[in-house]
C-alpha atoms as a PDB file:
ATOM      1  CA  ALA A   1       0.000   0.000   0.000  1.00  0.00           C
ATOM      2  CA  LEU A   2       2.853   2.369   0.878  1.00  0.00           C
ATOM      3  CA  ALA A   3       4.571   1.707  -2.469  1.00  0.00           C
ATOM      4  CA  SER A   4       1.317   2.369  -4.352  1.00  0.00           C
ATOM      5  CA  ILE A   5       0.788   5.659  -2.531  1.00  0.00           C
ATOM      6  CA  ALA A   6       4.403   6.713  -3.140  1.00  0.00           C
ATOM      7  CA  ALA A   7       4.174   5.843  -6.858  1.00  0.00           C
ATOM      8  CA  LEU A   8       0.855   7.670  -7.224  1.00  0.00           C
ATOM      9  CA  ALA A   9       2.201  10.736  -5.391  1.00  0.00           C
ATOM     10  CA  THR A  10       5.278  10.759  -7.643  1.00  0.00           C
ATOM     11  CA  VAL A  11       3.204  10.541 -10.823  1.00  0.00           C
ATOM     12  CA  ILE A  12       0.817  13.263  -9.649  1.00  0.00           C
ATOM     13  CA  GLY A  13       3.767  15.445  -8.643  1.00  0.00           C
ATOM     14  CA  LEU A  14       5.396  15.070 -12.066  1.00  0.00           C
ATOM     15  CA  LEU A  15       2.143  15.781 -13.896  1.00  0.00           C
ATOM     16  CA  LEU A  16       1.467  18.841 -11.749  1.00  0.00           C
ATOM     17  CA  ASN A  17       5.029  20.092 -12.273  1.00  0.00           C
ATOM     18  CA  ASN A  18       4.713  19.730 -16.065  1.00  0.00           C
ATOM     19  CA  PHE A  19       1.327  21.455 -16.061  1.00  0.00           C
ATOM     20  CA  LEU A  20       2.507  24.393 -13.940  1.00  0.00           C
ATOM     21  CA  THR A  21       5.716  24.773 -15.943  1.00  0.00           C
ATOM     22  CA  GLY A  22       3.728  24.854 -19.186  1.00  0.00           C
ATOM     23  CA  ARG A  23       1.314  27.446 -17.810  1.00  0.00           C
ATOM     24  CA  MET A  24       4.137  29.655 -16.520  1.00  0.00           C
ATOM     25  CA  VAL A  25       6.009  29.499 -19.850  1.00  0.00           C
ATOM     26  CA  ALA A  26       2.757  30.319 -21.691  1.00  0.00           C
ATOM     27  CA  GLN A  27       2.222  33.312 -19.385  1.00  0.00           C
ATOM     28  CA  GLU A  28       5.763  34.513 -20.127  1.00  0.00           C
ATOM     29  CA  ALA A  29       5.005  34.247 -23.860  1.00  0.00           C
ATOM     30  CA  SER A  30       1.732  36.119 -23.466  1.00  0.00           C
ATOM     31  CA  LEU A  31       3.404  39.013 -21.651  1.00  0.00           C
ATOM     32  CA  THR A  32       6.143  39.151 -24.287  1.00  0.00           C
ATOM     33  CA  GLN A  33       3.549  39.174 -27.076  1.00  0.00           C
ATOM     34  CA  GLU A  34       1.652  42.039 -25.429  1.00  0.00           C
ATOM     35  CA  PHE A  35       4.843  44.067 -25.157  1.00  0.00           C
ATOM     36  CA  VAL A  36       5.774  43.402 -28.799  1.00  0.00           C
ATOM     37  CA  ASN A  37       2.288  44.255 -30.056  1.00  0.00           C
ATOM     38  CA  SER A  38       2.278  47.571 -28.182  1.00  0.00           C
ATOM     39  CA  LEU A  39       5.791  48.338 -29.478  1.00  0.00           C
ATOM     40  CA  LEU A  40       4.759  47.613 -33.081  1.00  0.00           C
ATOM     41  CA  LEU A  41       1.871  50.071 -32.767  1.00  0.00           C
ATOM     42  CA  VAL A  42       4.272  52.847 -31.788  1.00  0.00           C
ATOM     43  CA  GLU A  43       7.372  51.906 -33.790  1.00  0.00           C
ATOM     44  CA  THR A  44       5.866  51.629 -37.269  1.00  0.00           C
ATOM     45  CA  ASP A  45       9.366  51.552 -38.825  1.00  0.00           C
ATOM     46  CA  LEU A  46       9.733  48.049 -37.400  1.00  0.00           C
ATOM     47  CA  VAL A  47       6.767  46.768 -39.376  1.00  0.00           C
ATOM     48  CA  ARG A  48       7.905  48.453 -42.602  1.00  0.00           C
ATOM     49  CA  TYR A  49      11.446  47.120 -42.100  1.00  0.00           C
ATOM     50  CA  THR A  50      10.106  43.586 -41.719  1.00  0.00           C
ATOM     51  CA  ALA A  51       7.774  43.797 -44.709  1.00  0.00           C
ATOM     52  CA  ASP A  52       9.961  45.589 -47.255  1.00  0.00           C
ATOM     53  CA  SER A  53      13.535  44.426 -47.892  1.00  0.00           C
ATOM     54  CA  SER A  54      14.339  47.588 -49.881  1.00  0.00           C
ATOM     55  CA  LEU A  55      14.046  49.649 -46.678  1.00  0.00           C
ATOM     56  CA  ARG A  56      16.661  47.648 -44.788  1.00  0.00           C
ATOM     57  CA  ARG A  57      19.721  49.502 -46.087  1.00  0.00           C
ATOM     58  CA  ASP A  58      18.977  53.000 -44.809  1.00  0.00           C
ATOM     59  CA  SER A  59      16.266  52.414 -42.243  1.00  0.00           C
ATOM     60  CA  GLN A  60      16.114  53.785 -38.719  1.00  0.00           C
ATOM     61  CA  ALA A  61      14.325  50.619 -37.632  1.00  0.00           C
ATOM     62  CA  PRO A  62      17.382  48.852 -36.180  1.00  0.00           C
ATOM     63  CA  GLN A  63      17.579  51.630 -33.590  1.00  0.00           C
ATOM     64  CA  SER A  64      13.944  50.932 -32.766  1.00  0.00           C
ATOM     65  CA  PHE A  65      14.716  47.248 -32.345  1.00  0.00           C
ATOM     66  CA  GLU A  66      16.932  48.117 -29.405  1.00  0.00           C
ATOM     67  CA  HIS A  67      13.689  48.358 -27.408  1.00  0.00           C
ATOM     68  CA  LEU A  68      13.370  44.593 -27.832  1.00  0.00           C
ATOM     69  CA  THR A  69      16.652  44.007 -26.045  1.00  0.00           C
ATOM     70  CA  ARG A  70      15.434  46.047 -23.085  1.00  0.00           C
ATOM     71  CA  ILE A  71      12.662  43.614 -22.246  1.00  0.00           C
ATOM     72  CA  PRO A  72      13.613  42.143 -18.863  1.00  0.00           C
ATOM     73  CA  ASP A  73      15.586  38.888 -18.946  1.00  0.00           C
ATOM     74  CA  VAL A  74      16.227  38.879 -22.733  1.00  0.00           C
ATOM     75  CA  LEU A  75      19.399  37.032 -23.734  1.00  0.00           C
ATOM     76  CA  ARG A  76      18.898  37.626 -27.461  1.00  0.00           C
ATOM     77  CA  ALA A  77      16.218  38.896 -29.827  1.00  0.00           C
ATOM     78  CA  ASN A  78      16.066  37.947 -33.526  1.00  0.00           C
ATOM     79  CA  LEU A  79      13.797  39.164 -36.316  1.00  0.00           C
ATOM     80  CA  TYR A  80      12.986  36.840 -39.215  1.00  0.00           C
ATOM     81  CA  ASP A  81      11.284  37.760 -42.467  1.00  0.00           C
ATOM     82  CA  ARG A  82       8.651  35.575 -44.184  1.00  0.00           C
ATOM     83  CA  ASN A  83      11.432  33.551 -45.847  1.00  0.00           C
ATOM     84  CA  GLN A  84      12.959  32.657 -42.451  1.00  0.00           C
ATOM     85  CA  LYS A  85      15.990  34.839 -43.078  1.00  0.00           C
ATOM     86  CA  LEU A  86      17.355  36.511 -39.969  1.00  0.00           C
ATOM     87  CA  ILE A  87      17.167  40.214 -40.865  1.00  0.00           C
ATOM     88  CA  TRP A  88      18.040  41.717 -37.468  1.00  0.00           C
ATOM     89  CA  SER A  89      19.522  40.369 -34.251  1.00  0.00           C
ATOM     90  CA  SER A  90      20.808  41.743 -30.978  1.00  0.00           C
ATOM     91  CA  ASP A  91      23.858  39.629 -31.903  1.00  0.00           C
ATOM     92  CA  PRO A  92      25.039  41.333 -35.134  1.00  0.00           C
ATOM     93  CA  ALA A  93      27.071  38.267 -36.179  1.00  0.00           C
ATOM     94  CA  MET A  94      23.789  36.406 -36.730  1.00  0.00           C
ATOM     95  CA  ILE A  95      22.252  38.878 -39.218  1.00  0.00           C
ATOM     96  CA  GLY A  96      21.712  37.446 -42.682  1.00  0.00           C
ATOM     97  CA  ARG A  97      21.818  33.808 -41.602  1.00  0.00           C
ATOM     98  CA  GLN A  98      19.234  31.196 -42.382  1.00  0.00           C
ATOM     99  CA  PHE A  99      19.041  28.078 -40.241  1.00  0.00           C
ATOM    100  CA  ASP A 100      17.795  24.550 -40.798  1.00  0.00           C
ATOM    101  CA  ARG A 101      14.125  23.740 -40.492  1.00  0.00           C
ATOM    102  CA  ASN A 102      12.614  25.279 -37.367  1.00  0.00           C
ATOM    103  CA  PRO A 103       9.089  24.045 -36.546  1.00  0.00           C
ATOM    104  CA  GLU A 104       8.565  26.770 -33.921  1.00  0.00           C
ATOM    105  CA  LEU A 105       9.417  29.493 -36.452  1.00  0.00           C
ATOM    106  CA  ASP A 106       7.098  27.830 -38.991  1.00  0.00           C
ATOM    107  CA  ARG A 107       4.251  28.026 -36.475  1.00  0.00           C
ATOM    108  CA  ALA A 108       5.016  31.689 -35.670  1.00  0.00           C
ATOM    109  CA  LEU A 109       5.008  32.579 -39.363  1.00  0.00           C
ATOM    110  CA  ALA A 110       1.609  30.895 -39.551  1.00  0.00           C
ATOM    111  CA  GLY A 111       0.371  33.352 -36.889  1.00  0.00           C
ATOM    112  CA  GLU A 112       0.833  31.427 -33.635  1.00  0.00           C
ATOM    113  CA  VAL A 113       2.733  32.592 -30.539  1.00  0.00           C
ATOM    114  CA  VAL A 114       5.080  29.765 -29.576  1.00  0.00           C
ATOM    115  CA  ALA A 115       6.920  29.280 -26.287  1.00  0.00           C
ATOM    116  CA  LYS A 116       9.236  26.458 -25.348  1.00  0.00           C
ATOM    117  CA  ARG A 117      11.344  25.814 -22.281  1.00  0.00           C
ATOM    118  CA  GLU A 118      14.895  24.812 -23.196  1.00  0.00           C
ATOM    119  CA  VAL A 119      18.161  23.957 -21.480  1.00  0.00           C
ATOM    120  CA  HIS A 120      21.491  24.930 -23.024  1.00  0.00           C
ATOM    121  CA  ALA A 121      22.887  21.985 -24.938  1.00  0.00           C
ATOM    122  CA  HIS A 122      26.514  20.947 -24.994  1.00  0.00           C
ATOM    123  CA  ALA A 123      28.643  22.263 -27.857  1.00  0.00           C
ATOM    124  CA  GLY A 124      27.577  20.695 -31.148  1.00  0.00           C
ATOM    125  CA  GLN A 125      24.149  19.691 -29.822  1.00  0.00           C
ATOM    126  CA  GLY A 126      20.807  21.457 -30.017  1.00  0.00           C
ATOM    127  CA  LYS A 127      19.747  24.069 -32.551  1.00  0.00           C
ATOM    128  CA  ALA A 128      22.490  25.935 -34.402  1.00  0.00           C
ATOM    129  CA  GLU A 129      21.064  29.296 -33.307  1.00  0.00           C
ATOM    130  CA  HIS A 130      21.428  28.305 -29.639  1.00  0.00           C
ATOM    131  CA  GLN A 131      25.190  27.790 -29.831  1.00  0.00           C
ATOM    132  CA  SER A 132      26.303  31.355 -29.095  1.00  0.00           C
ATOM    133  CA  LEU A 133      23.847  32.083 -26.282  1.00  0.00           C
ATOM    134  CA  PRO A 134      25.488  33.130 -23.027  1.00  0.00           C
ATOM    135  CA  GLY A 135      25.550  30.587 -20.212  1.00  0.00           C
ATOM    136  CA  ARG A 136      25.626  26.817 -20.155  1.00  0.00           C
ATOM    137  CA  ASN A 137      23.324  24.306 -18.503  1.00  0.00           C
ATOM    138  CA  ASP A 138      20.895  27.116 -17.734  1.00  0.00           C
ATOM    139  CA  MET A 139      17.177  26.986 -18.380  1.00  0.00           C
ATOM    140  CA  PHE A 140      15.856  29.543 -20.848  1.00  0.00           C
ATOM    141  CA  VAL A 141      12.606  30.157 -22.677  1.00  0.00           C
ATOM    142  CA  GLU A 142      12.437  30.443 -26.456  1.00  0.00           C
ATOM    143  CA  ILE A 143       9.487  32.607 -27.559  1.00  0.00           C
ATOM    144  CA  TYR A 144       8.333  33.341 -31.114  1.00  0.00           C
ATOM    145  CA  VAL A 145       5.938  36.242 -31.712  1.00  0.00           C
ATOM    146  CA  PRO A 146       4.405  36.859 -35.159  1.00  0.00           C
ATOM    147  CA  VAL A 147       4.833  40.367 -36.603  1.00  0.00           C
ATOM    148  CA  ARG A 148       1.737  41.783 -38.266  1.00  0.00           C
ATOM    149  CA  GLY A 149       0.970  45.211 -39.642  1.00  0.00           C
ATOM    150  CA  PRO A 150      -1.065  47.675 -37.583  1.00  0.00           C
ATOM    151  CA  ASP A 151      -4.215  46.556 -39.384  1.00  0.00           C
ATOM    152  CA  GLY A 152      -3.722  42.999 -38.078  1.00  0.00           C
ATOM    153  CA  GLY A 153      -3.236  41.710 -41.619  1.00  0.00           C
ATOM    154  CA  PRO A 154      -1.011  38.859 -42.742  1.00  0.00           C
ATOM    155  CA  VAL A 155       2.078  37.812 -40.826  1.00  0.00           C
ATOM    156  CA  LEU A 156       5.112  39.724 -42.117  1.00  0.00           C
ATOM    157  CA  GLY A 157       7.759  37.996 -40.035  1.00  0.00           C
ATOM    158  CA  ALA A 158       8.468  36.758 -36.525  1.00  0.00           C
ATOM    159  CA  ILE A 159      10.504  37.898 -33.556  1.00  0.00           C
ATOM    160  CA  GLU A 160      12.342  35.204 -31.642  1.00  0.00           C
ATOM    161  CA  PHE A 161      13.294  35.845 -28.039  1.00  0.00           C
ATOM    162  CA  TYR A 162      15.637  33.902 -25.854  1.00  0.00           C
ATOM    163  CA  LYS A 163      14.830  34.810 -22.285  1.00  0.00           C
ATOM    164  CA  ARG A 164      16.113  33.652 -18.936  1.00  0.00           C
ATOM    165  CA  PRO A 165      13.219  34.780 -16.742  1.00  0.00           C
ATOM    166  CA  GLN A 166      14.608  34.952 -13.235  1.00  0.00           C
ATOM    167  CA  ALA A 167      11.231  34.729 -11.468  1.00  0.00           C
ATOM    168  CA  LEU A 168      10.238  31.698 -13.544  1.00  0.00           C
ATOM    169  CA  SER A 169      13.598  30.032 -12.934  1.00  0.00           C
ATOM    170  CA  LEU A 170      13.267  30.495  -9.181  1.00  0.00           C
ATOM    171  CA  ALA A 171       9.698  29.201  -9.185  1.00  0.00           C
ATOM    172  CA  LEU A 172      10.704  26.044 -11.074  1.00  0.00           C
ATOM    173  CA  GLU A 173      13.670  25.173  -8.852  1.00  0.00           C
END
């Protein structure tokens, strides 16, 4: 009887932990999306920069993107166009790159906000875009937010955030 109770308690504990972790990561994504949406309403250069590649040479938009790096706990922010090309990053060495298939980015470009809890992989493992993130063996959250015009029209691109939310990390320990 004691073994059955212990096994049941363990299973319930694991299920509850997974549920709460998922809800907390989703809440982090929701808050990030709200911030991005309000920023896109004010910084219209960001939307034009994402939609029109001819504006990328002389645009003031990259200065506007600096607001993205000021979101609390952001390790890196990346902006992808509809063709999954990285057109701006808080890590300038990443600009212009295109990575292998990324299902989370696919979903964001289809209009969905995507959030995923990750742990830094060892060198040579994990996604290629994770390799130059600061820290090792740390938990972080990868969030993809679709970029739409002010009229809420079609998706023009997606912003990818790598965040190490301190409050979430402490709650999950």
